[in-house]
Amino acid sequence: FLQIINFIKQRSKDYCAADQNKKTDCGIVLTPHPKEFQSLLSLAGLGEYTVADCAGRRIELVKKFCREFPGVVILVKGANPVIGFCAKTTVITKEKEDVANVLLFINPLGMPCLAKAGSGDVLSGLICSLLAQYTSKNPAVKTMQMMPLLAATLQGSLAHALASSLVECDYAMTPFTLIQCTTELADYFGQETHIIQQRKRQMKIKKNEKSSQPKAGMSF
């Protein structure tokens, strides 16, 4: 863990020293569960917290971590994963504290089966595979107007959560089941989107037909 902390500190330091116009991110994404997050905070010198603190005060502690390590993307796992990223350095002076803005995202879509061992490895794999496809020139990244690493983390977390909703038997789920469900996302949600669009078209047609009917008492 100490080696990891030293590596994170150096990459974040390099990120802050880089040309403002050429900044992207520092190339690090962390996906700790509350116990790992507890150790991370302690070794980084950010305070001593219990696992319960790291689970119940995730938003507060994710902000604290991100302000200390700008450029690093962190996703703290739990019932509702919290994702944080800070693009600016926190500057502290005697006169005032210029607190850096931290981007925070919460994913409420996961299912209880994601608590099973191996699910986190699938999440890491999804983020890495998406990141391999993303560059600053990628249309999806341009549309979202965010760093490739943050975009990959958000979409990886979303795909991870949505795939868990397709698992038929929570108790019997394995990481391989979850991976298989991710391959079905495009077909499943593509079909759902088609159905929704079809219903919208039908509602629009009915609305137009209704508005074109003559009202009672009107003469032509």
C-alpha atoms as a PDB file:
ATOM      1  CA  PHE A   1       0.000   0.000   0.000  1.00  0.00           C
ATOM      2  CA  LEU A   2       2.845   2.408   0.798  1.00  0.00           C
ATOM      3  CA  GLN A   3       4.302   1.904  -2.666  1.00  0.00           C
ATOM      4  CA  ILE A   4       0.881   2.604  -4.162  1.00  0.00           C
ATOM      5  CA  ILE A   5       0.515   5.796  -2.103  1.00  0.00           C
ATOM      6  CA  ASN A   6       3.965   7.036  -3.152  1.00  0.00           C
ATOM      7  CA  PHE A   7       3.151   6.311  -6.793  1.00  0.00           C
ATOM      8  CA  ILE A   8      -0.177   8.157  -6.534  1.00  0.00           C
ATOM      9  CA  LYS A   9       1.496  11.152  -4.870  1.00  0.00           C
ATOM     10  CA  GLN A  10       4.118  11.400  -7.609  1.00  0.00           C
ATOM     11  CA  ARG A  11       1.625  11.085 -10.469  1.00  0.00           C
ATOM     12  CA  SER A  12      -0.693  13.644  -8.878  1.00  0.00           C
ATOM     13  CA  LYS A  13       2.267  16.001  -8.328  1.00  0.00           C
ATOM     14  CA  ASP A  14       3.283  15.641 -11.984  1.00  0.00           C
ATOM     15  CA  TYR A  15      -0.321  16.265 -13.014  1.00  0.00           C
ATOM     16  CA  CYS A  16      -0.470  19.513 -11.025  1.00  0.00           C
ATOM     17  CA  ALA A  17       2.852  20.671 -12.479  1.00  0.00           C
ATOM     18  CA  ALA A  18       1.797  19.971 -16.068  1.00  0.00           C
ATOM     19  CA  ASP A  19       0.798  22.637 -18.571  1.00  0.00           C
ATOM     20  CA  GLN A  20      -2.795  23.662 -17.775  1.00  0.00           C
ATOM     21  CA  ASN A  21      -3.718  23.522 -21.473  1.00  0.00           C
ATOM     22  CA  LYS A  22      -2.445  19.958 -21.864  1.00  0.00           C
ATOM     23  CA  LYS A  23      -4.022  18.407 -18.789  1.00  0.00           C
ATOM     24  CA  THR A  24      -6.128  15.291 -19.049  1.00  0.00           C
ATOM     25  CA  ASP A  25      -5.798  13.139 -15.934  1.00  0.00           C
ATOM     26  CA  CYS A  26      -2.910  11.439 -14.180  1.00  0.00           C
ATOM     27  CA  GLY A  27      -3.768   7.987 -15.507  1.00  0.00           C
ATOM     28  CA  ILE A  28      -4.868   6.465 -12.187  1.00  0.00           C
ATOM     29  CA  VAL A  29      -8.257   5.069 -11.233  1.00  0.00           C
ATOM     30  CA  LEU A  30      -8.792   3.425  -7.842  1.00  0.00           C
ATOM     31  CA  THR A  31     -11.732   1.154  -6.998  1.00  0.00           C
ATOM     32  CA  PRO A  32     -11.465   0.383  -3.263  1.00  0.00           C
ATOM     33  CA  HIS A  33     -14.152  -1.142  -1.082  1.00  0.00           C
ATOM     34  CA  PRO A  34     -14.669   0.569   2.327  1.00  0.00           C
ATOM     35  CA  LYS A  35     -11.966  -1.470   4.120  1.00  0.00           C
ATOM     36  CA  GLU A  36      -9.399  -0.705   1.411  1.00  0.00           C
ATOM     37  CA  PHE A  37     -10.492   2.932   1.437  1.00  0.00           C
ATOM     38  CA  GLN A  38      -9.874   3.033   5.183  1.00  0.00           C
ATOM     39  CA  SER A  39      -6.267   1.883   4.676  1.00  0.00           C
ATOM     40  CA  LEU A  40      -5.824   4.287   1.765  1.00  0.00           C
ATOM     41  CA  LEU A  41      -6.886   7.279   3.854  1.00  0.00           C
ATOM     42  CA  SER A  42      -4.701   6.252   6.768  1.00  0.00           C
ATOM     43  CA  LEU A  43      -1.530   5.695   4.745  1.00  0.00           C
ATOM     44  CA  ALA A  44      -2.108   8.912   2.808  1.00  0.00           C
ATOM     45  CA  GLY A  45      -2.130  10.802   6.116  1.00  0.00           C
ATOM     46  CA  LEU A  46      -5.739  11.924   5.692  1.00  0.00           C
ATOM     47  CA  GLY A  47      -6.962  10.617   9.045  1.00  0.00           C
ATOM     48  CA  GLU A  48      -7.957   7.495  10.926  1.00  0.00           C
ATOM     49  CA  TYR A  49     -11.461   6.291  10.167  1.00  0.00           C
ATOM     50  CA  THR A  50     -13.461   3.154  10.863  1.00  0.00           C
ATOM     51  CA  VAL A  51     -14.868   0.997   8.087  1.00  0.00           C
ATOM     52  CA  ALA A  52     -18.308   2.247   9.113  1.00  0.00           C
ATOM     53  CA  ASP A  53     -17.098   5.824   8.555  1.00  0.00           C
ATOM     54  CA  CYS A  54     -15.760   4.929   5.120  1.00  0.00           C
ATOM     55  CA  ALA A  55     -19.095   3.371   4.184  1.00  0.00           C
ATOM     56  CA  GLY A  56     -21.413   5.951   5.752  1.00  0.00           C
ATOM     57  CA  ARG A  57     -19.374   9.102   5.049  1.00  0.00           C
ATOM     58  CA  ARG A  58     -18.169   8.189   1.586  1.00  0.00           C
ATOM     59  CA  ILE A  59     -19.104  11.475  -0.080  1.00  0.00           C
ATOM     60  CA  GLU A  60     -17.246  13.544   2.521  1.00  0.00           C
ATOM     61  CA  LEU A  61     -14.169  11.287   2.471  1.00  0.00           C
ATOM     62  CA  VAL A  62     -14.077  10.955  -1.321  1.00  0.00           C
ATOM     63  CA  LYS A  63     -14.030  14.759  -1.541  1.00  0.00           C
ATOM     64  CA  LYS A  64     -11.174  14.872   0.967  1.00  0.00           C
ATOM     65  CA  PHE A  65      -9.163  12.290  -0.974  1.00  0.00           C
ATOM     66  CA  CYS A  66      -9.744  13.969  -4.337  1.00  0.00           C
ATOM     67  CA  ARG A  67      -8.645  17.366  -3.056  1.00  0.00           C
ATOM     68  CA  GLU A  68      -5.434  15.805  -1.805  1.00  0.00           C
ATOM     69  CA  PHE A  69      -4.762  13.971  -5.072  1.00  0.00           C
ATOM     70  CA  PRO A  70      -5.956  16.029  -8.087  1.00  0.00           C
ATOM     71  CA  GLY A  71      -6.099  14.108 -11.341  1.00  0.00           C
ATOM     72  CA  VAL A  72      -6.853  10.751  -9.690  1.00  0.00           C
ATOM     73  CA  VAL A  73     -10.245   9.108 -10.293  1.00  0.00           C
ATOM     74  CA  ILE A  74     -11.581   7.141  -7.336  1.00  0.00           C
ATOM     75  CA  LEU A  75     -14.618   4.880  -7.142  1.00  0.00           C
ATOM     76  CA  VAL A  76     -15.497   3.739  -3.628  1.00  0.00           C
ATOM     77  CA  LYS A  77     -17.612   0.619  -3.877  1.00  0.00           C
ATOM     78  CA  GLY A  78     -20.751  -0.012  -1.853  1.00  0.00           C
ATOM     79  CA  ALA A  79     -24.522  -0.191  -2.235  1.00  0.00           C
ATOM     80  CA  ASN A  80     -24.330   3.104  -4.139  1.00  0.00           C
ATOM     81  CA  PRO A  81     -20.782   3.532  -5.522  1.00  0.00           C
ATOM     82  CA  VAL A  82     -19.376   7.056  -5.218  1.00  0.00           C
ATOM     83  CA  ILE A  83     -17.056   8.310  -7.971  1.00  0.00           C
ATOM     84  CA  GLY A  84     -14.900  11.376  -7.470  1.00  0.00           C
ATOM     85  CA  PHE A  85     -12.435  13.450  -9.489  1.00  0.00           C
ATOM     86  CA  CYS A  86     -10.695  16.779  -8.864  1.00  0.00           C
ATOM     87  CA  ALA A  87      -9.236  18.685 -11.799  1.00  0.00           C
ATOM     88  CA  LYS A  88      -7.684  21.523  -9.803  1.00  0.00           C
ATOM     89  CA  THR A  89      -5.151  21.852  -7.042  1.00  0.00           C
ATOM     90  CA  THR A  90      -6.259  22.966  -3.610  1.00  0.00           C
ATOM     91  CA  VAL A  91      -4.400  26.115  -2.623  1.00  0.00           C
ATOM     92  CA  ILE A  92      -4.256  26.925   1.079  1.00  0.00           C
ATOM     93  CA  THR A  93      -2.955  30.255   2.382  1.00  0.00           C
ATOM     94  CA  LYS A  94      -3.088  32.012   5.748  1.00  0.00           C
ATOM     95  CA  GLU A  95      -5.717  34.405   4.470  1.00  0.00           C
ATOM     96  CA  LYS A  96      -8.097  31.911   2.890  1.00  0.00           C
ATOM     97  CA  GLU A  97      -8.584  28.379   1.736  1.00  0.00           C
ATOM     98  CA  ASP A  98      -9.267  27.992  -1.968  1.00  0.00           C
ATOM     99  CA  VAL A  99     -11.064  24.656  -1.998  1.00  0.00           C
ATOM    100  CA  ALA A 100     -10.849  22.791  -5.270  1.00  0.00           C
ATOM    101  CA  ASN A 101     -14.073  21.709  -6.909  1.00  0.00           C
ATOM    102  CA  VAL A 102     -14.608  17.968  -6.812  1.00  0.00           C
ATOM    103  CA  LEU A 103     -16.831  16.245  -9.357  1.00  0.00           C
ATOM    104  CA  LEU A 104     -18.970  13.636  -7.612  1.00  0.00           C
ATOM    105  CA  PHE A 105     -21.161  10.945  -9.123  1.00  0.00           C
ATOM    106  CA  ILE A 106     -23.342   8.342  -7.385  1.00  0.00           C
ATOM    107  CA  ASN A 107     -24.514   5.170  -9.078  1.00  0.00           C
ATOM    108  CA  PRO A 108     -27.791   3.918  -7.500  1.00  0.00           C
ATOM    109  CA  LEU A 109     -28.473   1.148 -10.025  1.00  0.00           C
ATOM    110  CA  GLY A 110     -26.502  -1.824  -8.676  1.00  0.00           C
ATOM    111  CA  MET A 111     -28.026  -5.026  -7.325  1.00  0.00           C
ATOM    112  CA  PRO A 112     -27.089  -6.912  -4.098  1.00  0.00           C
ATOM    113  CA  CYS A 113     -25.371  -9.653  -6.127  1.00  0.00           C
ATOM    114  CA  LEU A 114     -22.484  -7.238  -6.815  1.00  0.00           C
ATOM    115  CA  ALA A 115     -21.340  -7.836  -3.227  1.00  0.00           C
ATOM    116  CA  LYS A 116     -20.105 -11.273  -4.300  1.00  0.00           C
ATOM    117  CA  ALA A 117     -16.377 -11.898  -4.614  1.00  0.00           C
ATOM    118  CA  GLY A 118     -15.029 -11.274  -8.099  1.00  0.00           C
ATOM    119  CA  SER A 119     -17.568  -8.602  -9.045  1.00  0.00           C
ATOM    120  CA  GLY A 120     -15.004  -5.867  -8.444  1.00  0.00           C
ATOM    121  CA  ASP A 121     -12.573  -7.548 -10.839  1.00  0.00           C
ATOM    122  CA  VAL A 122     -15.249  -7.398 -13.541  1.00  0.00           C
ATOM    123  CA  LEU A 123     -15.691  -3.679 -12.811  1.00  0.00           C
ATOM    124  CA  SER A 124     -11.948  -3.037 -13.175  1.00  0.00           C
ATOM    125  CA  GLY A 125     -11.915  -4.983 -16.437  1.00  0.00           C
ATOM    126  CA  LEU A 126     -14.824  -2.962 -17.819  1.00  0.00           C
ATOM    127  CA  ILE A 127     -13.140   0.335 -16.961  1.00  0.00           C
ATOM    128  CA  CYS A 128      -9.836  -0.744 -18.534  1.00  0.00           C
ATOM    129  CA  SER A 129     -11.489  -2.053 -21.699  1.00  0.00           C
ATOM    130  CA  LEU A 130     -13.458   1.186 -22.121  1.00  0.00           C
ATOM    131  CA  LEU A 131     -10.387   3.297 -21.451  1.00  0.00           C
ATOM    132  CA  ALA A 132      -8.526   1.433 -24.196  1.00  0.00           C
ATOM    133  CA  GLN A 133     -11.191   2.682 -26.620  1.00  0.00           C
ATOM    134  CA  TYR A 134     -11.283   6.267 -25.376  1.00  0.00           C
ATOM    135  CA  THR A 135      -9.106   9.127 -26.459  1.00  0.00           C
ATOM    136  CA  SER A 136      -9.802  12.851 -26.296  1.00  0.00           C
ATOM    137  CA  LYS A 137     -10.848  12.595 -29.977  1.00  0.00           C
ATOM    138  CA  ASN A 138     -13.457   9.906 -29.299  1.00  0.00           C
ATOM    139  CA  PRO A 139     -16.968  11.273 -30.094  1.00  0.00           C
ATOM    140  CA  ALA A 140     -18.404   9.831 -26.870  1.00  0.00           C
ATOM    141  CA  VAL A 141     -15.777  11.553 -24.739  1.00  0.00           C
ATOM    142  CA  LYS A 142     -16.233  14.820 -26.648  1.00  0.00           C
ATOM    143  CA  THR A 143     -19.985  14.662 -26.103  1.00  0.00           C
ATOM    144  CA  MET A 144     -19.599  14.147 -22.353  1.00  0.00           C
ATOM    145  CA  GLN A 145     -16.894  16.841 -22.216  1.00  0.00           C
ATOM    146  CA  MET A 146     -14.856  15.017 -19.598  1.00  0.00           C
ATOM    147  CA  MET A 147     -11.516  13.271 -19.152  1.00  0.00           C
ATOM    148  CA  PRO A 148     -11.250   9.846 -20.844  1.00  0.00           C
ATOM    149  CA  LEU A 149     -10.428   8.107 -17.541  1.00  0.00           C
ATOM    150  CA  LEU A 150     -13.423   9.631 -15.777  1.00  0.00           C
ATOM    151  CA  ALA A 151     -15.697   8.808 -18.741  1.00  0.00           C
ATOM    152  CA  ALA A 152     -14.483   5.193 -18.756  1.00  0.00           C
ATOM    153  CA  THR A 153     -15.023   4.893 -14.994  1.00  0.00           C
ATOM    154  CA  LEU A 154     -18.556   6.289 -15.145  1.00  0.00           C
ATOM    155  CA  GLN A 155     -19.604   4.148 -18.086  1.00  0.00           C
ATOM    156  CA  GLY A 156     -17.870   1.068 -16.653  1.00  0.00           C
ATOM    157  CA  SER A 157     -19.724   1.507 -13.366  1.00  0.00           C
ATOM    158  CA  LEU A 158     -23.002   2.022 -15.219  1.00  0.00           C
ATOM    159  CA  ALA A 159     -22.517  -1.082 -17.387  1.00  0.00           C
ATOM    160  CA  HIS A 160     -21.514  -3.078 -14.290  1.00  0.00           C
ATOM    161  CA  ALA A 161     -24.683  -2.058 -12.452  1.00  0.00           C
ATOM    162  CA  LEU A 162     -27.016  -2.599 -15.412  1.00  0.00           C
ATOM    163  CA  ALA A 163     -25.510  -6.012 -16.109  1.00  0.00           C
ATOM    164  CA  SER A 164     -26.297  -7.029 -12.521  1.00  0.00           C
ATOM    165  CA  SER A 165     -29.974  -6.297 -13.193  1.00  0.00           C
ATOM    166  CA  LEU A 166     -29.962  -9.005 -15.883  1.00  0.00           C
ATOM    167  CA  VAL A 167     -28.712 -11.738 -13.531  1.00  0.00           C
ATOM    168  CA  GLU A 168     -31.505 -14.292 -13.117  1.00  0.00           C
ATOM    169  CA  CYS A 169     -30.289 -15.877  -9.865  1.00  0.00           C
ATOM    170  CA  ASP A 170     -28.423 -13.614  -7.441  1.00  0.00           C
ATOM    171  CA  TYR A 171     -27.297 -16.416  -5.158  1.00  0.00           C
ATOM    172  CA  ALA A 172     -25.733 -18.490  -7.928  1.00  0.00           C
ATOM    173  CA  MET A 173     -24.064 -15.577  -9.722  1.00  0.00           C
ATOM    174  CA  THR A 174     -20.372 -15.840 -10.524  1.00  0.00           C
ATOM    175  CA  PRO A 175     -18.085 -13.255 -12.165  1.00  0.00           C
ATOM    176  CA  PHE A 176     -18.454 -15.212 -15.401  1.00  0.00           C
ATOM    177  CA  THR A 177     -22.241 -14.802 -15.193  1.00  0.00           C
ATOM    178  CA  LEU A 178     -21.785 -11.054 -14.767  1.00  0.00           C
ATOM    179  CA  ILE A 179     -19.421 -10.881 -17.745  1.00  0.00           C
ATOM    180  CA  GLN A 180     -21.956 -12.758 -19.868  1.00  0.00           C
ATOM    181  CA  CYS A 181     -24.656 -10.298 -18.828  1.00  0.00           C
ATOM    182  CA  THR A 182     -22.510  -7.358 -19.965  1.00  0.00           C
ATOM    183  CA  THR A 183     -22.462  -8.860 -23.467  1.00  0.00           C
ATOM    184  CA  GLU A 184     -26.281  -8.786 -23.472  1.00  0.00           C
ATOM    185  CA  LEU A 185     -26.591  -5.115 -22.513  1.00  0.00           C
ATOM    186  CA  ALA A 186     -26.633  -3.730 -26.039  1.00  0.00           C
ATOM    187  CA  ASP A 187     -29.352  -6.124 -27.214  1.00  0.00           C
ATOM    188  CA  TYR A 188     -31.479  -5.791 -24.081  1.00  0.00           C
ATOM    189  CA  PHE A 189     -31.389  -2.031 -23.669  1.00  0.00           C
ATOM    190  CA  GLY A 190     -31.356  -1.472 -27.416  1.00  0.00           C
ATOM    191  CA  GLN A 191     -34.662  -3.346 -27.573  1.00  0.00           C
ATOM    192  CA  GLU A 192     -36.028  -1.365 -24.604  1.00  0.00           C
ATOM    193  CA  THR A 193     -35.050   1.902 -26.296  1.00  0.00           C
ATOM    194  CA  HIS A 194     -36.794   0.788 -29.500  1.00  0.00           C
ATOM    195  CA  ILE A 195     -39.991   0.006 -27.560  1.00  0.00           C
ATOM    196  CA  ILE A 196     -39.907   3.377 -25.779  1.00  0.00           C
ATOM    197  CA  GLN A 197     -39.360   5.242 -29.052  1.00  0.00           C
ATOM    198  CA  GLN A 198     -42.208   3.288 -30.676  1.00  0.00           C
ATOM    199  CA  ARG A 199     -44.572   4.193 -27.813  1.00  0.00           C
ATOM    200  CA  LYS A 200     -43.594   7.873 -28.086  1.00  0.00           C
ATOM    201  CA  ARG A 201     -44.373   7.832 -31.809  1.00  0.00           C
ATOM    202  CA  GLN A 202     -47.777   6.239 -31.134  1.00  0.00           C
ATOM    203  CA  MET A 203     -48.573   8.827 -28.462  1.00  0.00           C
ATOM    204  CA  LYS A 204     -47.563  11.635 -30.821  1.00  0.00           C
ATOM    205  CA  ILE A 205     -49.827  10.263 -33.575  1.00  0.00           C
ATOM    206  CA  LYS A 206     -52.775  10.010 -31.163  1.00  0.00           C
ATOM    207  CA  LYS A 207     -52.137  13.555 -29.937  1.00  0.00           C
ATOM    208  CA  ASN A 208     -52.079  14.872 -33.513  1.00  0.00           C
ATOM    209  CA  GLU A 209     -55.270  12.982 -34.385  1.00  0.00           C
ATOM    210  CA  LYS A 210     -56.972  14.382 -31.291  1.00  0.00           C
ATOM    211  CA  SER A 211     -55.921  17.964 -32.048  1.00  0.00           C
ATOM    212  CA  SER A 212     -57.103  17.655 -35.671  1.00  0.00           C
ATOM    213  CA  GLN A 213     -60.650  16.630 -34.674  1.00  0.00           C
ATOM    214  CA  PRO A 214     -63.223  19.483 -34.853  1.00  0.00           C
ATOM    215  CA  LYS A 215     -64.430  20.721 -31.481  1.00  0.00           C
ATOM    216  CA  ALA A 216     -68.122  20.698 -30.599  1.00  0.00           C
ATOM    217  CA  GLY A 217     -69.949  23.837 -31.714  1.00  0.00           C
ATOM    218  CA  MET A 218     -67.450  24.737 -34.422  1.00  0.00           C
ATOM    219  CA  SER A 219     -68.751  25.271 -37.956  1.00  0.00           C
ATOM    220  CA  PHE A 220     -66.801  25.027 -41.190  1.00  0.00           C
END
